[in-house]
Amino acid sequence: MQTASISIQAMREATAPQQFPAPFPPLALVNKPNLTTAETAYYLNRRPQTLRGWACLENGPLRPCRIGGLLAWNTATVKALAGVAA
């Protein structure tokens, strides 16, 4: 009987949802002036490609600046859009 309970427990652990730490700190704690596209997409719950489309077509709710060919999204604007107190 003991082996049956171990295999059931192992099966439960294998099928349980994995808890991973968040890839980025909470937006309220971010104090750098600009965010990367990946960070902005995470905080706004969008895909990075959506933000790249906004930048290319200039039709999104926020516009990035370009620093060395990379997109940089203003942190204060992202916080305002996400509804986080600055």
N, C-alpha and C. Protein backbone atom coordinates (compact mmCIF):
# COMPACT_ATOMS: atom_id res chain seq x y z
N MET A 1 0.81 -1.20 0.00
CA MET A 1 0.00 0.00 0.00
C MET A 1 0.85 1.27 0.00
N GLN A 2 2.01 1.19 0.62
CA GLN A 2 2.87 2.36 0.72
C GLN A 2 3.32 2.84 -0.66
N THR A 3 3.66 1.92 -1.56
CA THR A 3 4.13 2.33 -2.88
C THR A 3 3.02 3.00 -3.68
N ALA A 4 1.78 2.60 -3.47
CA ALA A 4 0.67 3.23 -4.18
C ALA A 4 0.50 4.68 -3.74
N SER A 5 0.65 4.95 -2.45
CA SER A 5 0.49 6.32 -1.97
C SER A 5 1.65 7.20 -2.43
N ILE A 6 2.83 6.62 -2.55
CA ILE A 6 3.97 7.40 -3.04
C ILE A 6 3.77 7.75 -4.51
N SER A 7 3.31 6.83 -5.30
CA SER A 7 3.12 7.12 -6.71
C SER A 7 1.98 8.12 -6.91
N ILE A 8 0.94 8.06 -6.08
CA ILE A 8 -0.14 9.04 -6.18
C ILE A 8 0.39 10.42 -5.81
N GLN A 9 1.19 10.50 -4.76
CA GLN A 9 1.77 11.78 -4.36
C GLN A 9 2.69 12.32 -5.45
N ALA A 10 3.48 11.46 -6.05
CA ALA A 10 4.38 11.89 -7.12
C ALA A 10 3.58 12.39 -8.32
N MET A 11 2.46 11.72 -8.60
CA MET A 11 1.61 12.14 -9.70
C MET A 11 0.99 13.52 -9.41
N ARG A 12 0.56 13.73 -8.19
CA ARG A 12 0.00 15.03 -7.81
C ARG A 12 1.02 16.15 -7.96
N GLU A 13 2.24 15.89 -7.52
CA GLU A 13 3.29 16.90 -7.63
C GLU A 13 3.64 17.18 -9.08
N ALA A 14 3.61 16.16 -9.91
CA ALA A 14 3.96 16.34 -11.32
C ALA A 14 2.90 17.14 -12.06
N THR A 15 1.64 17.00 -11.66
CA THR A 15 0.56 17.69 -12.36
C THR A 15 0.16 19.00 -11.71
N ALA A 16 0.73 19.32 -10.56
CA ALA A 16 0.40 20.58 -9.87
C ALA A 16 0.95 21.76 -10.67
N PRO A 17 0.23 22.88 -10.67
CA PRO A 17 0.75 24.05 -11.39
C PRO A 17 2.05 24.54 -10.75
N GLN A 18 2.98 24.92 -11.59
CA GLN A 18 4.28 25.39 -11.11
C GLN A 18 4.19 26.84 -10.67
N GLN A 19 4.81 27.17 -9.58
CA GLN A 19 4.85 28.53 -9.08
C GLN A 19 6.24 29.10 -9.37
N PHE A 20 6.31 30.03 -10.30
CA PHE A 20 7.57 30.65 -10.66
C PHE A 20 7.59 32.07 -10.14
N PRO A 21 8.74 32.58 -9.78
CA PRO A 21 8.80 33.99 -9.38
C PRO A 21 8.52 34.89 -10.58
N ALA A 22 7.98 36.05 -10.31
CA ALA A 22 7.70 37.01 -11.38
C ALA A 22 9.02 37.40 -12.05
N PRO A 23 9.02 37.55 -13.38
CA PRO A 23 10.27 37.87 -14.06
C PRO A 23 10.76 39.30 -13.81
N PHE A 24 9.86 40.18 -13.39
CA PHE A 24 10.23 41.58 -13.16
C PHE A 24 9.67 42.02 -11.81
N PRO A 25 10.30 43.02 -11.18
CA PRO A 25 9.78 43.51 -9.90
C PRO A 25 8.44 44.23 -10.09
N PRO A 26 7.68 44.42 -9.03
CA PRO A 26 6.42 45.16 -9.16
C PRO A 26 6.67 46.55 -9.75
N LEU A 27 5.74 46.99 -10.57
CA LEU A 27 5.91 48.26 -11.28
C LEU A 27 6.04 49.44 -10.31
N ALA A 28 5.36 49.37 -9.18
CA ALA A 28 5.43 50.46 -8.21
C ALA A 28 6.85 50.64 -7.66
N LEU A 29 7.67 49.59 -7.69
CA LEU A 29 9.02 49.66 -7.15
C LEU A 29 10.07 50.05 -8.19
N VAL A 30 9.68 50.12 -9.45
CA VAL A 30 10.63 50.44 -10.52
C VAL A 30 10.90 51.95 -10.49
N ASN A 31 12.18 52.31 -10.47
CA ASN A 31 12.52 53.74 -10.42
C ASN A 31 13.47 54.18 -11.53
N LYS A 32 13.71 53.34 -12.52
CA LYS A 32 14.55 53.76 -13.64
C LYS A 32 13.71 54.56 -14.64
N PRO A 33 14.31 55.43 -15.41
CA PRO A 33 13.52 56.33 -16.27
C PRO A 33 12.83 55.64 -17.44
N ASN A 34 13.42 54.58 -17.98
CA ASN A 34 12.84 53.90 -19.15
C ASN A 34 12.80 52.40 -18.93
N LEU A 35 11.85 51.77 -19.60
CA LEU A 35 11.69 50.31 -19.54
C LEU A 35 11.98 49.71 -20.91
N THR A 36 12.38 48.46 -20.92
CA THR A 36 12.56 47.76 -22.18
C THR A 36 11.19 47.35 -22.72
N THR A 37 11.17 46.88 -23.94
CA THR A 37 9.92 46.42 -24.54
C THR A 37 9.37 45.22 -23.78
N ALA A 38 10.24 44.30 -23.38
CA ALA A 38 9.79 43.11 -22.64
C ALA A 38 9.18 43.50 -21.29
N GLU A 39 9.82 44.42 -20.58
CA GLU A 39 9.28 44.87 -19.30
C GLU A 39 7.93 45.57 -19.48
N THR A 40 7.85 46.45 -20.46
CA THR A 40 6.61 47.19 -20.70
C THR A 40 5.48 46.23 -21.08
N ALA A 41 5.78 45.26 -21.91
CA ALA A 41 4.77 44.28 -22.31
C ALA A 41 4.28 43.49 -21.09
N TYR A 42 5.19 43.14 -20.20
CA TYR A 42 4.82 42.40 -18.99
C TYR A 42 3.89 43.24 -18.12
N TYR A 43 4.26 44.49 -17.88
CA TYR A 43 3.46 45.34 -16.99
C TYR A 43 2.11 45.72 -17.58
N LEU A 44 2.01 45.81 -18.90
CA LEU A 44 0.75 46.17 -19.54
C LEU A 44 -0.05 44.95 -20.00
N ASN A 45 0.48 43.75 -19.72
CA ASN A 45 -0.17 42.50 -20.09
C ASN A 45 -0.43 42.44 -21.60
N ARG A 46 0.57 42.76 -22.35
CA ARG A 46 0.54 42.70 -23.82
C ARG A 46 1.75 41.90 -24.28
N ARG A 47 1.71 41.50 -25.54
CA ARG A 47 2.88 40.83 -26.12
C ARG A 47 3.86 41.89 -26.60
N PRO A 48 5.16 41.58 -26.55
CA PRO A 48 6.15 42.55 -27.04
C PRO A 48 5.89 42.98 -28.49
N GLN A 49 5.41 42.05 -29.31
CA GLN A 49 5.15 42.38 -30.70
C GLN A 49 4.06 43.44 -30.83
N THR A 50 3.10 43.46 -29.91
CA THR A 50 2.06 44.48 -29.92
C THR A 50 2.68 45.85 -29.70
N LEU A 51 3.61 45.94 -28.76
CA LEU A 51 4.26 47.22 -28.50
C LEU A 51 5.13 47.65 -29.67
N ARG A 52 5.78 46.70 -30.32
CA ARG A 52 6.57 47.04 -31.51
C ARG A 52 5.68 47.57 -32.62
N GLY A 53 4.49 46.99 -32.73
CA GLY A 53 3.52 47.49 -33.71
C GLY A 53 3.08 48.90 -33.38
N TRP A 54 2.82 49.19 -32.11
CA TRP A 54 2.47 50.55 -31.69
C TRP A 54 3.58 51.53 -32.07
N ALA A 55 4.82 51.11 -31.87
CA ALA A 55 5.95 51.99 -32.17
C ALA A 55 6.08 52.22 -33.67
N CYS A 56 5.88 51.18 -34.45
CA CYS A 56 6.03 51.28 -35.89
C CYS A 56 4.90 52.11 -36.53
N LEU A 57 3.68 51.81 -36.12
CA LEU A 57 2.52 52.49 -36.71
C LEU A 57 2.16 53.79 -36.00
N GLU A 58 2.76 54.02 -34.84
CA GLU A 58 2.49 55.20 -34.02
C GLU A 58 0.99 55.36 -33.74
N ASN A 59 0.35 54.25 -33.35
CA ASN A 59 -1.08 54.30 -33.10
C ASN A 59 -1.47 53.75 -31.72
N GLY A 60 -0.52 53.53 -30.86
CA GLY A 60 -0.82 52.96 -29.55
C GLY A 60 -1.06 54.02 -28.50
N PRO A 61 -1.38 53.59 -27.29
CA PRO A 61 -1.64 54.54 -26.21
C PRO A 61 -0.37 55.22 -25.66
N LEU A 62 0.79 54.72 -26.03
CA LEU A 62 2.04 55.37 -25.64
C LEU A 62 3.06 55.21 -26.75
N ARG A 63 4.01 56.10 -26.77
CA ARG A 63 5.04 56.08 -27.81
C ARG A 63 6.41 55.96 -27.16
N PRO A 64 7.26 55.14 -27.72
CA PRO A 64 8.60 54.99 -27.16
C PRO A 64 9.56 56.02 -27.74
N CYS A 65 10.68 56.16 -27.07
CA CYS A 65 11.79 56.88 -27.70
C CYS A 65 12.79 55.81 -28.13
N ARG A 66 13.62 56.16 -29.05
CA ARG A 66 14.61 55.21 -29.54
C ARG A 66 15.98 55.62 -29.04
N ILE A 67 16.62 54.69 -28.37
CA ILE A 67 17.95 54.92 -27.82
C ILE A 67 18.88 53.89 -28.44
N GLY A 68 19.76 54.36 -29.30
CA GLY A 68 20.70 53.45 -29.96
C GLY A 68 20.00 52.39 -30.79
N GLY A 69 18.88 52.71 -31.37
CA GLY A 69 18.15 51.77 -32.20
C GLY A 69 17.20 50.86 -31.43
N LEU A 70 17.20 50.97 -30.10
CA LEU A 70 16.30 50.16 -29.28
C LEU A 70 15.14 51.01 -28.80
N LEU A 71 14.00 50.38 -28.56
CA LEU A 71 12.84 51.09 -28.05
C LEU A 71 12.96 51.23 -26.54
N ALA A 72 12.69 52.43 -26.05
CA ALA A 72 12.69 52.69 -24.61
C ALA A 72 11.36 53.33 -24.26
N TRP A 73 10.66 52.75 -23.30
CA TRP A 73 9.32 53.19 -22.93
C TRP A 73 9.40 53.93 -21.60
N ASN A 74 8.85 55.13 -21.55
CA ASN A 74 8.91 55.97 -20.36
C ASN A 74 8.18 55.30 -19.20
N THR A 75 8.88 55.16 -18.08
CA THR A 75 8.34 54.46 -16.92
C THR A 75 7.12 55.18 -16.34
N ALA A 76 7.17 56.50 -16.25
CA ALA A 76 6.04 57.26 -15.69
C ALA A 76 4.79 57.09 -16.55
N THR A 77 4.96 57.07 -17.86
CA THR A 77 3.83 56.88 -18.76
C THR A 77 3.25 55.47 -18.62
N VAL A 78 4.11 54.49 -18.51
CA VAL A 78 3.66 53.10 -18.34
C VAL A 78 2.91 52.96 -17.00
N LYS A 79 3.42 53.60 -15.95
CA LYS A 79 2.75 53.55 -14.65
C LYS A 79 1.38 54.19 -14.72
N ALA A 80 1.28 55.33 -15.42
CA ALA A 80 0.00 56.01 -15.55
C ALA A 80 -0.99 55.16 -16.34
N LEU A 81 -0.52 54.53 -17.38
CA LEU A 81 -1.38 53.68 -18.21
C LEU A 81 -1.84 52.44 -17.44
N ALA A 82 -0.96 51.91 -16.60
CA ALA A 82 -1.28 50.71 -15.82
C ALA A 82 -2.07 51.06 -14.56
N GLY A 83 -2.18 52.33 -14.22
CA GLY A 83 -2.91 52.73 -13.04
C GLY A 83 -2.14 52.56 -11.75
N VAL A 84 -0.83 52.62 -11.84
CA VAL A 84 0.03 52.47 -10.66
C VAL A 84 0.47 53.86 -10.22
N ALA A 85 0.41 54.13 -8.93
CA ALA A 85 0.83 55.43 -8.41
C ALA A 85 2.34 55.58 -8.60
N ALA A 86 2.74 56.73 -9.09
CA ALA A 86 4.16 56.98 -9.37
C ALA A 86 4.95 57.28 -8.13
